[in-house]
Amino acid sequence: MIFTLRRLPGSDDVRVALPLVRRTRDPHEGQWALPGGWLDVSESLVAAASRTLSETTGLAPSYLEQLYAFGAVDRSPTRVVSIVYWALLRADDVSTELDSADQRENVQWFDAATLPRLAFDHNEIVDYALWRLRNKVGYSRIAHGLLADEFTLAELREVYEAILGRRLDPANFRRQVENSGTLIPTDRFRTGSHRPARLYRYNQDVELADRGPLGDRD
């Protein structure tokens, strides 16, 4: 599954969204589902996840991590164990990638908080991924996976609010992130109808997320 942020039509609200694929065969023909595919004998898990995502949605994520293995006995008519990966798509890639995905007949974007009933146990998988995302945003710089390389503090707060599903006090948020040591102020500003806002970037010496002792290995 891949998460990105989408602004609701006619609103300033930003929501976490994900693409789903409409199934064209049984079981669950016609229902929406997470994109998936089979593991080739010559592929690593990461390579298979990247390939499947590209083939079904045309998307290339900025962040990809193994989520969990789902293997309940009754989750499919035949015994299937799914190794699920979750990915993030940055805001600076959204316009091009979303246009490409929306042109695919069986791919559609959904608000992650208001999904229809999905095939198999995919609603439970999405719920678990959202829980992980909300927890991870509190102790890592995972929000960077949804941002351009440079951003304002208001844009960063918008990402946190979309993930957590609640408003954050701007002054408290600014104080916390500036004291975190993960942001580096630049000499550039975002200009527009409001007063110029300073652009920040993440400290690249701080990992996007703690992957544990194995790092990027399978």
Protein backbone atom coordinates (compact mmCIF):
# COMPACT_ATOMS: atom_id res chain seq x y z
CA MET A 1 0.00 0.00 0.00
CA ILE A 2 1.10 3.55 -0.62
CA PHE A 3 0.12 6.61 1.40
CA THR A 4 0.16 10.20 0.22
CA LEU A 5 -1.67 13.41 1.14
CA ARG A 6 -4.56 14.80 -0.89
CA ARG A 7 -6.47 18.02 -0.36
CA LEU A 8 -10.24 17.59 -0.26
CA PRO A 9 -12.01 19.34 -3.16
CA GLY A 10 -13.20 22.80 -2.13
CA SER A 11 -11.56 22.53 1.28
CA ASP A 12 -8.32 23.34 3.07
CA ASP A 13 -8.36 19.94 4.78
CA VAL A 14 -5.59 17.51 3.84
CA ARG A 15 -6.17 13.78 4.27
CA VAL A 16 -4.09 10.64 4.09
CA ALA A 17 -5.04 8.82 0.87
CA LEU A 18 -4.10 5.55 -0.81
CA PRO A 19 -4.68 3.92 -4.21
CA LEU A 20 -6.82 0.80 -4.49
CA VAL A 21 -7.21 -1.62 -7.40
CA ARG A 22 -10.57 -3.02 -8.51
CA ARG A 23 -10.43 -6.80 -8.75
CA THR A 24 -11.29 -8.22 -12.17
CA ARG A 25 -11.73 -11.87 -11.15
CA ASP A 26 -12.99 -14.01 -8.29
CA PRO A 27 -12.73 -14.15 -5.40
CA HIS A 28 -14.21 -10.70 -4.64
CA GLU A 29 -14.56 -9.71 -8.31
CA GLY A 30 -15.50 -6.02 -8.58
CA GLN A 31 -14.37 -5.12 -5.07
CA TRP A 32 -11.55 -2.73 -4.29
CA ALA A 33 -8.34 -4.17 -2.88
CA LEU A 34 -4.76 -3.29 -2.11
CA PRO A 35 -2.41 -3.81 -5.06
CA GLY A 36 -0.62 -7.14 -4.82
CA GLY A 37 1.19 -9.83 -6.73
CA TRP A 38 3.09 -13.06 -6.44
CA LEU A 39 6.73 -13.39 -5.41
CA ASP A 40 9.01 -14.61 -8.20
CA VAL A 41 11.55 -17.26 -7.19
CA SER A 42 14.42 -14.99 -8.26
CA GLU A 43 13.20 -11.82 -6.47
CA SER A 44 13.89 -10.36 -3.08
CA LEU A 45 10.88 -9.22 -1.09
CA VAL A 46 11.73 -5.54 -1.57
CA ALA A 47 12.17 -5.99 -5.33
CA ALA A 48 8.83 -7.81 -5.60
CA ALA A 49 7.05 -5.08 -3.61
CA SER A 50 8.51 -2.32 -5.81
CA ARG A 51 7.69 -4.21 -9.03
CA THR A 52 4.13 -5.00 -8.00
CA LEU A 53 3.48 -1.39 -7.00
CA SER A 54 4.82 -0.11 -10.30
CA GLU A 55 2.88 -2.63 -12.41
CA THR A 56 -0.47 -2.09 -10.72
CA THR A 57 -0.43 1.66 -10.01
CA GLY A 58 2.51 3.18 -11.92
CA LEU A 59 3.82 4.68 -8.67
CA ALA A 60 7.39 4.95 -7.38
CA PRO A 61 7.53 5.67 -3.62
CA SER A 62 9.95 7.85 -1.68
CA TYR A 63 9.91 5.40 1.24
CA LEU A 64 9.26 1.65 1.35
CA GLU A 65 9.21 -0.58 4.43
CA GLN A 66 7.95 -4.03 5.31
CA LEU A 67 4.83 -3.71 7.44
CA TYR A 68 3.75 -7.16 8.60
CA ALA A 69 2.96 -10.71 7.48
CA PHE A 70 -0.77 -11.54 7.41
CA GLY A 71 -1.58 -15.24 7.42
CA ALA A 72 -4.93 -15.98 9.06
CA VAL A 73 -6.20 -19.37 7.94
CA ASP A 74 -9.53 -18.04 6.62
CA ARG A 75 -8.30 -14.85 4.89
CA SER A 76 -8.52 -16.41 1.41
CA PRO A 77 -10.24 -19.42 -0.19
CA THR A 78 -6.80 -21.02 -0.47
CA ARG A 79 -4.03 -20.68 2.10
CA VAL A 80 -2.22 -17.42 1.32
CA VAL A 81 0.32 -15.56 3.43
CA SER A 82 0.76 -11.91 2.43
CA ILE A 83 3.95 -10.04 3.25
CA VAL A 84 2.77 -6.43 3.16
CA TYR A 85 4.92 -3.40 2.40
CA TRP A 86 3.86 0.18 2.97
CA ALA A 87 5.19 3.16 1.06
CA LEU A 88 5.02 6.96 1.11
CA LEU A 89 4.74 9.33 -1.82
CA ARG A 90 6.14 12.84 -1.39
CA ALA A 91 4.15 15.98 -2.07
CA ASP A 92 6.51 17.10 -4.84
CA ASP A 93 5.77 13.87 -6.74
CA VAL A 94 2.02 13.88 -6.16
CA SER A 95 0.73 15.84 -9.16
CA THR A 96 2.55 13.74 -11.78
CA GLU A 97 2.07 10.40 -10.08
CA LEU A 98 -1.59 10.93 -9.21
CA ASP A 99 -2.43 11.97 -12.75
CA SER A 100 -0.77 8.79 -14.02
CA ALA A 101 -2.59 6.57 -11.52
CA ASP A 102 -5.99 8.18 -12.07
CA GLN A 103 -5.77 7.38 -15.78
CA ARG A 104 -5.56 3.66 -15.06
CA GLU A 105 -8.98 2.08 -15.41
CA ASN A 106 -8.84 -0.12 -12.32
CA VAL A 107 -6.97 2.26 -9.99
CA GLN A 108 -8.66 4.87 -7.82
CA TRP A 109 -7.59 7.03 -4.87
CA PHE A 110 -9.49 6.86 -1.58
CA ASP A 111 -9.49 8.76 1.70
CA ALA A 112 -7.87 6.29 4.09
CA ALA A 113 -10.33 7.20 6.85
CA THR A 114 -13.48 6.43 4.81
CA LEU A 115 -12.77 3.28 2.85
CA PRO A 116 -15.46 0.98 1.43
CA ARG A 117 -15.49 -2.68 2.39
CA LEU A 118 -12.39 -4.11 0.72
CA ALA A 119 -11.62 -7.61 -0.54
CA PHE A 120 -10.17 -10.21 1.80
CA ASP A 121 -8.82 -8.71 5.06
CA HIS A 122 -7.51 -5.56 3.40
CA ASN A 123 -9.46 -3.17 5.66
CA GLU A 124 -7.66 -4.65 8.64
CA ILE A 125 -4.32 -4.30 6.84
CA VAL A 126 -4.96 -0.61 6.14
CA ASP A 127 -6.03 -0.03 9.76
CA TYR A 128 -2.82 -1.61 10.99
CA ALA A 129 -0.70 0.47 8.60
CA LEU A 130 -2.40 3.70 9.72
CA TRP A 131 -1.78 2.75 13.35
CA ARG A 132 1.89 2.20 12.57
CA LEU A 133 2.11 5.50 10.70
CA ARG A 134 0.54 7.45 13.58
CA ASN A 135 2.89 5.86 16.08
CA LYS A 136 5.98 6.26 13.94
CA VAL A 137 5.42 9.96 13.27
CA GLY A 138 5.93 10.57 16.99
CA TYR A 139 9.47 9.18 17.23
CA SER A 140 10.96 9.35 13.72
CA ARG A 141 11.09 11.79 10.81
CA ILE A 142 8.75 9.60 8.77
CA ALA A 143 6.74 12.74 7.86
CA HIS A 144 9.60 13.60 5.50
CA GLY A 145 8.39 10.81 3.23
CA LEU A 146 5.32 12.95 2.50
CA LEU A 147 7.12 16.28 2.00
CA ALA A 148 9.23 18.02 -0.59
CA ASP A 149 12.94 18.36 0.20
CA GLU A 150 12.29 21.87 1.52
CA PHE A 151 9.13 22.89 3.37
CA THR A 152 7.66 25.42 5.76
CA LEU A 153 6.75 24.61 9.35
CA ALA A 154 3.08 25.09 8.40
CA GLU A 155 3.44 22.43 5.69
CA LEU A 156 5.12 20.08 8.17
CA ARG A 157 2.36 20.67 10.72
CA GLU A 158 -0.22 19.95 8.03
CA VAL A 159 1.36 16.51 7.48
CA TYR A 160 1.27 15.75 11.22
CA GLU A 161 -2.35 16.87 11.48
CA ALA A 162 -3.37 14.71 8.51
CA ILE A 163 -1.65 11.64 9.97
CA LEU A 164 -2.89 12.14 13.54
CA GLY A 165 -6.38 13.28 12.51
CA ARG A 166 -6.44 16.32 14.80
CA ARG A 167 -5.42 19.97 14.91
CA LEU A 168 -2.13 20.93 16.57
CA ASP A 169 -1.34 24.22 18.29
CA PRO A 170 0.98 26.11 15.88
CA ALA A 171 3.12 27.71 18.59
CA ASN A 172 3.65 24.48 20.53
CA PHE A 173 4.36 22.57 17.32
CA ARG A 174 6.97 25.13 16.21
CA ARG A 175 8.71 24.98 19.57
CA GLN A 176 8.79 21.18 19.61
CA VAL A 177 10.13 20.68 16.10
CA GLU A 178 12.70 23.47 16.39
CA ASN A 179 14.01 21.88 19.60
CA SER A 180 14.07 18.38 18.08
CA GLY A 181 17.38 18.84 16.27
CA THR A 182 15.99 17.20 13.11
CA LEU A 183 15.36 20.39 11.10
CA ILE A 184 17.83 22.74 9.45
CA PRO A 185 16.63 26.26 8.51
CA THR A 186 17.57 27.45 5.03
CA ASP A 187 18.07 30.99 3.73
CA ARG A 188 15.05 30.63 1.42
CA PHE A 189 11.44 31.67 1.99
CA ARG A 190 8.06 30.67 0.60
CA THR A 191 6.28 33.78 -0.68
CA GLY A 192 2.63 34.26 -1.52
CA SER A 193 -0.47 36.00 -0.23
CA HIS A 194 0.79 35.71 3.36
CA ARG A 195 4.03 36.95 4.85
CA PRO A 196 7.13 35.02 3.68
CA ALA A 197 7.66 31.72 5.52
CA ARG A 198 11.14 30.27 6.04
CA LEU A 199 11.91 26.98 4.33
CA TYR A 200 13.43 24.13 6.30
CA ARG A 201 14.99 20.82 5.37
CA TYR A 202 15.55 17.68 7.40
CA ASN A 203 18.93 16.90 8.86
CA GLN A 204 20.12 14.07 6.61
CA ASP A 205 22.27 12.69 9.46
CA VAL A 206 19.03 11.61 11.15
CA GLU A 207 17.47 8.48 9.64
CA LEU A 208 14.01 8.72 8.08
CA ALA A 209 12.92 5.89 10.36
CA ASP A 210 14.62 3.42 12.66
CA ARG A 211 14.95 0.23 10.64
CA GLY A 212 16.73 -1.68 13.37
CA PRO A 213 20.08 -3.51 13.23
CA LEU A 214 19.47 -4.97 9.75
CA GLY A 215 19.03 -1.57 8.11
CA ASP A 216 17.89 -1.88 4.49
CA ARG A 217 18.65 -5.58 4.17
CA ASP A 218 15.90 -8.13 3.47
